[in-house]
Protein backbone atom coordinates (compact mmCIF):
# COMPACT_ATOMS: atom_id res chain seq x y z
CA MET A 1 0.00 0.00 0.00
CA MET A 2 1.19 3.42 -0.92
CA PHE A 3 0.92 6.30 1.41
CA GLU A 4 -0.46 9.55 -0.04
CA PRO A 5 0.31 12.75 1.77
CA PRO A 6 -2.80 14.59 3.05
CA ALA A 7 -1.96 17.69 0.94
CA VAL A 8 -3.17 15.91 -2.21
CA HIS A 9 -6.73 15.79 -0.89
CA TRP A 10 -6.72 19.51 -0.12
CA PHE A 11 -5.54 20.18 -3.67
CA TRP A 12 -8.72 18.63 -5.14
CA ILE A 13 -10.98 20.34 -2.64
CA PHE A 14 -9.38 23.70 -3.56
CA TRP A 15 -10.01 23.22 -7.31
CA ILE A 16 -13.57 22.04 -6.78
CA GLY A 17 -14.19 25.24 -4.78
CA VAL A 18 -12.64 27.41 -7.51
CA ILE A 19 -14.78 25.76 -10.20
CA PHE A 20 -17.88 26.23 -8.05
CA LEU A 21 -17.15 29.95 -7.53
CA VAL A 22 -16.45 30.55 -11.24
CA GLY A 23 -19.67 28.75 -12.15
CA LEU A 24 -21.60 30.83 -9.63
CA ALA A 25 -20.13 34.06 -11.04
CA VAL A 26 -21.09 33.03 -14.60
CA LEU A 27 -24.61 32.15 -13.47
CA ILE A 28 -25.05 35.54 -11.76
CA ALA A 29 -23.73 37.35 -14.85
CA VAL A 30 -26.17 35.49 -17.11
CA ILE A 31 -29.13 36.22 -14.83
CA ARG A 32 -28.24 39.92 -14.63
CA GLY A 33 -27.78 40.07 -18.39
CA LEU A 34 -31.18 38.52 -19.07
CA SER A 35 -32.99 40.80 -16.62
CA GLY A 36 -32.52 43.84 -18.89
CA PRO A 37 -30.89 47.20 -18.30
CA SER A 38 -30.91 48.60 -14.81
CA GLN A 39 -32.75 51.84 -14.09
CA GLN A 40 -30.49 52.63 -11.17
CA THR A 41 -27.79 55.27 -11.53
CA PHE A 42 -24.95 56.11 -9.23
CA PRO A 43 -25.03 58.61 -7.71
CA PRO A 44 -28.82 58.82 -7.66
CA THR A 45 -30.13 61.78 -9.64
CA ALA A 46 -33.13 63.88 -8.80
CA PRO A 47 -36.07 63.55 -11.18
CA MET A 48 -36.32 66.28 -13.81
CA PRO A 49 -39.08 68.80 -13.18
CA PRO A 50 -41.79 68.79 -15.82
CA SER A 51 -41.08 71.35 -18.50
CA GLN A 52 -43.54 74.16 -18.75
CA PRO A 53 -44.78 75.09 -22.20
CA SER A 54 -43.35 78.38 -23.38
CA GLU A 55 -45.72 81.31 -23.46
CA ALA A 56 -46.69 83.06 -26.65
CA PRO A 57 -45.34 86.61 -27.00
CA LEU A 58 -48.84 88.11 -26.88
CA ASP A 59 -49.53 86.23 -23.63
CA ILE A 60 -46.35 87.61 -22.08
CA LEU A 61 -47.28 91.09 -23.24
CA ALA A 62 -50.79 90.79 -21.76
CA ARG A 63 -49.37 89.52 -18.47
CA ARG A 64 -46.91 92.42 -18.26
CA PHE A 65 -49.74 94.89 -18.95
CA ALA A 66 -51.92 93.24 -16.29
CA LYS A 67 -49.09 93.52 -13.75
CA GLY A 68 -48.65 97.19 -14.55
CA GLU A 69 -45.12 96.82 -15.93
CA ILE A 70 -46.07 98.62 -19.16
CA THR A 71 -48.57 101.35 -19.99
CA ALA A 72 -51.64 101.00 -22.20
CA GLU A 73 -49.90 102.86 -25.02
CA GLU A 74 -46.84 100.59 -24.82
CA TYR A 75 -49.16 97.58 -24.78
CA ARG A 76 -51.04 98.69 -27.90
CA LYS A 77 -47.83 99.47 -29.81
CA ALA A 78 -46.24 96.16 -28.90
CA ARG A 79 -49.47 94.23 -29.65
CA ASP A 80 -49.72 95.83 -33.08
CA LEU A 81 -46.06 95.13 -33.77
CA LEU A 82 -46.32 91.49 -32.68
CA SER A 83 -49.50 90.85 -34.63
CA GLY A 84 -47.93 92.38 -37.76
CA GLY A 85 -50.46 95.18 -38.02
CA GLY A 86 -48.28 98.24 -37.70
CA SER A 87 -44.84 99.71 -37.31
CA PRO A 88 -43.43 100.98 -34.02
CA SER A 89 -42.78 104.50 -35.34
């Protein structure tokens, strides 16, 4: 009968463990790949505020007149200019 040193048994146990860990890593990679793209970002970003539609120039002009920022004469001149009805002379 031949005597085998105990280190030979540990050698096989080590390689079985390495093969198990590599197989586990491949399995995790495949599962993550099949699950689709992640929606998570790092660092987390705040959600974008909803964009407000831009106001038409005549709406801005009417709002400025309502606030008292411009006079009635300035309002009429600017309204005529924006609507294409007259010149600002």
